[in-house]
Amino acid sequence: MDQPVVVALFRCPGHRMPMEAVPALRVEAGYGIVGDSHAREGSSRQVLLMDLETLEALDLRPGAVRENITVRGLSLHALQPGDRLRIGEALLEITKPCTPCGRMDEIRPGLQEALRGRRGMLARVLESGWILPGAPIRVEPPPTVRSPSPEML
């Protein structure tokens, strides 16, 4: 299979405002997307990733479900909380699936139900950096917690 890549990037300039397509995203560790109204220090919802394949199956365009990063070639729901994504300079950590809200039915009636279990994954930013369209995505497993060796005790 081809390397997963970033297809499109978006940020939300203000509450209930249309998503803004951007040529690059700057993400800050522990904070989220610079210039996005949803950026919050310590939040588990700093970045929303959505796959192009699901959007196309639902006849939606990138950005339609208010995601920040549209990806191609990555099975988002195969990821587990704690998995990490190296995207460009940035490192993101998957926190949880995104549950579709009633706002989806404002986009298209029935969309909330159609997206149940397929809306995308939320992540927090572990390492700051720039993310650009076309950037390859590398999945990294979470760091393992190692037991102390007997010599260390």
C-alpha atoms as a PDB file:
ATOM      1  CA  MET A   1       0.000   0.000   0.000  1.00  0.00           C
ATOM      2  CA  ASP A   2       1.140   3.537  -0.649  1.00  0.00           C
ATOM      3  CA  GLN A   3       2.418   5.740   2.147  1.00  0.00           C
ATOM      4  CA  PRO A   4      -0.437   7.577   3.936  1.00  0.00           C
ATOM      5  CA  VAL A   5      -0.396  11.318   3.193  1.00  0.00           C
ATOM      6  CA  VAL A   6      -2.016  14.616   4.121  1.00  0.00           C
ATOM      7  CA  VAL A   7      -4.575  15.670   1.490  1.00  0.00           C
ATOM      8  CA  ALA A   8      -5.956  18.945   2.878  1.00  0.00           C
ATOM      9  CA  LEU A   9      -5.678  21.233   5.913  1.00  0.00           C
ATOM     10  CA  PHE A  10      -8.293  23.360   7.678  1.00  0.00           C
ATOM     11  CA  ARG A  11      -8.697  25.522  10.748  1.00  0.00           C
ATOM     12  CA  CYS A  12     -11.693  27.103  12.417  1.00  0.00           C
ATOM     13  CA  PRO A  13     -11.300  30.892  12.692  1.00  0.00           C
ATOM     14  CA  GLY A  14     -14.200  31.291  15.158  1.00  0.00           C
ATOM     15  CA  HIS A  15     -17.182  29.631  16.830  1.00  0.00           C
ATOM     16  CA  ARG A  16     -19.617  28.240  14.223  1.00  0.00           C
ATOM     17  CA  MET A  17     -17.677  29.956  11.413  1.00  0.00           C
ATOM     18  CA  PRO A  18     -16.913  28.062   8.197  1.00  0.00           C
ATOM     19  CA  MET A  19     -13.694  26.076   8.172  1.00  0.00           C
ATOM     20  CA  GLU A  20     -10.819  27.849   6.440  1.00  0.00           C
ATOM     21  CA  ALA A  21      -8.691  25.853   3.985  1.00  0.00           C
ATOM     22  CA  VAL A  22      -5.034  26.695   4.636  1.00  0.00           C
ATOM     23  CA  PRO A  23      -1.802  25.930   2.739  1.00  0.00           C
ATOM     24  CA  ALA A  24      -0.061  24.837   5.976  1.00  0.00           C
ATOM     25  CA  LEU A  25      -0.853  24.295   9.650  1.00  0.00           C
ATOM     26  CA  ARG A  26       1.422  25.275  12.502  1.00  0.00           C
ATOM     27  CA  VAL A  27       0.789  23.093  15.533  1.00  0.00           C
ATOM     28  CA  GLU A  28       2.135  23.802  19.013  1.00  0.00           C
ATOM     29  CA  ALA A  29       2.877  21.097  21.574  1.00  0.00           C
ATOM     30  CA  GLY A  30       0.282  20.945  24.328  1.00  0.00           C
ATOM     31  CA  TYR A  31      -1.856  23.626  22.657  1.00  0.00           C
ATOM     32  CA  GLY A  32      -3.096  22.675  19.189  1.00  0.00           C
ATOM     33  CA  ILE A  33      -3.386  24.511  15.896  1.00  0.00           C
ATOM     34  CA  VAL A  34      -2.175  28.103  15.798  1.00  0.00           C
ATOM     35  CA  GLY A  35      -5.070  30.324  14.705  1.00  0.00           C
ATOM     36  CA  ASP A  36      -7.783  27.735  15.393  1.00  0.00           C
ATOM     37  CA  SER A  37     -10.533  28.794  17.772  1.00  0.00           C
ATOM     38  CA  HIS A  38     -10.623  25.291  19.312  1.00  0.00           C
ATOM     39  CA  ALA A  39      -6.953  25.296  20.377  1.00  0.00           C
ATOM     40  CA  ARG A  40      -6.780  24.737  24.129  1.00  0.00           C
ATOM     41  CA  GLU A  41      -3.840  23.988  26.363  1.00  0.00           C
ATOM     42  CA  GLY A  42      -3.994  20.419  27.627  1.00  0.00           C
ATOM     43  CA  SER A  43      -7.094  19.490  25.589  1.00  0.00           C
ATOM     44  CA  SER A  44      -7.507  15.969  24.210  1.00  0.00           C
ATOM     45  CA  ARG A  45      -9.324  17.509  21.208  1.00  0.00           C
ATOM     46  CA  GLN A  46      -6.568  19.677  19.688  1.00  0.00           C
ATOM     47  CA  VAL A  47      -6.647  18.184  16.171  1.00  0.00           C
ATOM     48  CA  LEU A  48      -9.334  16.252  14.256  1.00  0.00           C
ATOM     49  CA  LEU A  49      -8.165  13.870  11.536  1.00  0.00           C
ATOM     50  CA  MET A  50     -10.538  12.462   8.903  1.00  0.00           C
ATOM     51  CA  ASP A  51      -9.870  10.071   6.048  1.00  0.00           C
ATOM     52  CA  LEU A  52     -10.624  10.944   2.437  1.00  0.00           C
ATOM     53  CA  GLU A  53     -11.954   7.455   1.737  1.00  0.00           C
ATOM     54  CA  THR A  54     -14.855   7.876   4.199  1.00  0.00           C
ATOM     55  CA  LEU A  55     -15.606  11.373   2.903  1.00  0.00           C
ATOM     56  CA  GLU A  56     -15.747  10.102  -0.685  1.00  0.00           C
ATOM     57  CA  ALA A  57     -17.979   7.158   0.321  1.00  0.00           C
ATOM     58  CA  LEU A  58     -20.420   9.707   1.786  1.00  0.00           C
ATOM     59  CA  ASP A  59     -20.075  12.064  -1.207  1.00  0.00           C
ATOM     60  CA  LEU A  60     -18.456  14.780   0.910  1.00  0.00           C
ATOM     61  CA  ARG A  61     -15.513  17.037   0.139  1.00  0.00           C
ATOM     62  CA  PRO A  62     -12.470  17.510   2.391  1.00  0.00           C
ATOM     63  CA  GLY A  63     -13.290  19.859   5.270  1.00  0.00           C
ATOM     64  CA  ALA A  64     -17.017  19.120   5.109  1.00  0.00           C
ATOM     65  CA  VAL A  65     -17.154  17.434   8.519  1.00  0.00           C
ATOM     66  CA  ARG A  66     -15.039  20.198  10.057  1.00  0.00           C
ATOM     67  CA  GLU A  67     -11.828  18.192  10.314  1.00  0.00           C
ATOM     68  CA  ASN A  68      -8.428  19.856  10.547  1.00  0.00           C
ATOM     69  CA  ILE A  69      -6.424  17.294   8.607  1.00  0.00           C
ATOM     70  CA  THR A  70      -7.794  15.176   5.764  1.00  0.00           C
ATOM     71  CA  VAL A  71      -5.658  12.084   5.163  1.00  0.00           C
ATOM     72  CA  ARG A  72      -5.514   9.428   2.447  1.00  0.00           C
ATOM     73  CA  GLY A  73      -4.374   5.835   2.857  1.00  0.00           C
ATOM     74  CA  LEU A  74      -4.618   5.671   6.651  1.00  0.00           C
ATOM     75  CA  SER A  75      -7.217   3.557   8.446  1.00  0.00           C
ATOM     76  CA  LEU A  76      -7.856   5.974  11.288  1.00  0.00           C
ATOM     77  CA  HIS A  77     -10.152   3.674  13.237  1.00  0.00           C
ATOM     78  CA  ALA A  78      -7.455   0.984  13.342  1.00  0.00           C
ATOM     79  CA  LEU A  79      -5.507   3.410  15.536  1.00  0.00           C
ATOM     80  CA  GLN A  80      -5.676   3.212  19.311  1.00  0.00           C
ATOM     81  CA  PRO A  81      -5.410   5.965  21.931  1.00  0.00           C
ATOM     82  CA  GLY A  82      -1.713   6.494  22.556  1.00  0.00           C
ATOM     83  CA  ASP A  83      -0.673   5.720  18.966  1.00  0.00           C
ATOM     84  CA  ARG A  84       1.433   8.487  17.490  1.00  0.00           C
ATOM     85  CA  LEU A  85       1.465  10.047  14.047  1.00  0.00           C
ATOM     86  CA  ARG A  86       4.571  11.719  12.672  1.00  0.00           C
ATOM     87  CA  ILE A  87       3.258  14.244  10.133  1.00  0.00           C
ATOM     88  CA  GLY A  88       5.820  16.620   8.703  1.00  0.00           C
ATOM     89  CA  GLU A  89       7.707  18.191  11.613  1.00  0.00           C
ATOM     90  CA  ALA A  90       4.904  17.478  14.081  1.00  0.00           C
ATOM     91  CA  LEU A  91       4.122  14.532  16.315  1.00  0.00           C
ATOM     92  CA  LEU A  92       0.478  13.921  17.243  1.00  0.00           C
ATOM     93  CA  GLU A  93      -0.921  11.422  19.741  1.00  0.00           C
ATOM     94  CA  ILE A  94      -4.323   9.833  19.131  1.00  0.00           C
ATOM     95  CA  THR A  95      -6.611  10.467  22.121  1.00  0.00           C
ATOM     96  CA  LYS A  96     -10.047   9.110  21.081  1.00  0.00           C
ATOM     97  CA  PRO A  97     -12.569   8.695  18.272  1.00  0.00           C
ATOM     98  CA  CYS A  98     -14.611  11.789  17.453  1.00  0.00           C
ATOM     99  CA  THR A  99     -18.305  11.297  18.112  1.00  0.00           C
ATOM    100  CA  PRO A 100     -20.438  13.020  15.456  1.00  0.00           C
ATOM    101  CA  CYS A 101     -22.570  15.785  16.958  1.00  0.00           C
ATOM    102  CA  GLY A 102     -25.908  17.258  15.885  1.00  0.00           C
ATOM    103  CA  ARG A 103     -23.989  19.864  13.913  1.00  0.00           C
ATOM    104  CA  MET A 104     -23.408  17.174  11.259  1.00  0.00           C
ATOM    105  CA  ASP A 105     -27.155  17.136  10.509  1.00  0.00           C
ATOM    106  CA  GLU A 106     -26.886  20.882   9.765  1.00  0.00           C
ATOM    107  CA  ILE A 107     -24.413  19.991   7.029  1.00  0.00           C
ATOM    108  CA  ARG A 108     -26.718  17.301   5.629  1.00  0.00           C
ATOM    109  CA  PRO A 109     -29.763  15.632   7.229  1.00  0.00           C
ATOM    110  CA  GLY A 110     -28.850  12.133   8.413  1.00  0.00           C
ATOM    111  CA  LEU A 111     -25.101  12.810   8.360  1.00  0.00           C
ATOM    112  CA  GLN A 112     -24.704  12.453  12.134  1.00  0.00           C
ATOM    113  CA  GLU A 113     -25.944   8.860  11.954  1.00  0.00           C
ATOM    114  CA  ALA A 114     -24.030   8.113   8.729  1.00  0.00           C
ATOM    115  CA  LEU A 115     -20.796   9.194  10.446  1.00  0.00           C
ATOM    116  CA  ARG A 116     -21.348   7.198  13.649  1.00  0.00           C
ATOM    117  CA  GLY A 117     -18.138   5.235  14.210  1.00  0.00           C
ATOM    118  CA  ARG A 118     -16.456   6.917  11.191  1.00  0.00           C
ATOM    119  CA  ARG A 119     -16.102  10.640  11.972  1.00  0.00           C
ATOM    120  CA  GLY A 120     -12.374  10.511  12.508  1.00  0.00           C
ATOM    121  CA  MET A 121      -9.903  10.569  15.359  1.00  0.00           C
ATOM    122  CA  LEU A 122      -8.944  13.294  17.793  1.00  0.00           C
ATOM    123  CA  ALA A 123      -5.353  13.936  18.762  1.00  0.00           C
ATOM    124  CA  ARG A 124      -3.170  16.131  20.912  1.00  0.00           C
ATOM    125  CA  VAL A 125       0.076  17.743  19.763  1.00  0.00           C
ATOM    126  CA  LEU A 126       3.215  16.286  21.362  1.00  0.00           C
ATOM    127  CA  GLU A 127       5.828  18.034  19.191  1.00  0.00           C
ATOM    128  CA  SER A 128       5.393  21.411  17.499  1.00  0.00           C
ATOM    129  CA  GLY A 129       5.925  21.892  13.792  1.00  0.00           C
ATOM    130  CA  TRP A 130       4.535  22.618  10.361  1.00  0.00           C
ATOM    131  CA  ILE A 131       2.187  20.271   8.517  1.00  0.00           C
ATOM    132  CA  LEU A 132       1.847  20.640   4.734  1.00  0.00           C
ATOM    133  CA  PRO A 133      -0.372  18.953   2.130  1.00  0.00           C
ATOM    134  CA  GLY A 134       1.376  15.926   0.678  1.00  0.00           C
ATOM    135  CA  ALA A 135       3.303  15.288   3.896  1.00  0.00           C
ATOM    136  CA  PRO A 136       3.790  11.575   4.546  1.00  0.00           C
ATOM    137  CA  ILE A 137       2.246  10.145   7.696  1.00  0.00           C
ATOM    138  CA  ARG A 138       4.133   7.583   9.751  1.00  0.00           C
ATOM    139  CA  VAL A 139       2.354   5.665  12.509  1.00  0.00           C
ATOM    140  CA  GLU A 140       4.454   5.132  15.612  1.00  0.00           C
ATOM    141  CA  PRO A 141       3.311   2.878  18.446  1.00  0.00           C
ATOM    142  CA  PRO A 142       3.060   4.436  21.883  1.00  0.00           C
ATOM    143  CA  PRO A 143       6.195   4.230  23.990  1.00  0.00           C
ATOM    144  CA  THR A 144       6.182   1.153  26.166  1.00  0.00           C
ATOM    145  CA  VAL A 145       6.442   1.383  29.897  1.00  0.00           C
ATOM    146  CA  ARG A 146       9.443  -0.659  30.898  1.00  0.00           C
ATOM    147  CA  SER A 147       9.689  -2.478  34.183  1.00  0.00           C
ATOM    148  CA  PRO A 148      12.813  -1.674  36.141  1.00  0.00           C
ATOM    149  CA  SER A 149      15.478  -4.315  35.782  1.00  0.00           C
ATOM    150  CA  PRO A 150      16.481  -6.171  38.964  1.00  0.00           C
ATOM    151  CA  GLU A 151      19.768  -4.236  38.973  1.00  0.00           C
ATOM    152  CA  MET A 152      17.816  -0.986  39.236  1.00  0.00           C
ATOM    153  CA  LEU A 153      15.872  -2.055  42.327  1.00  0.00           C
END
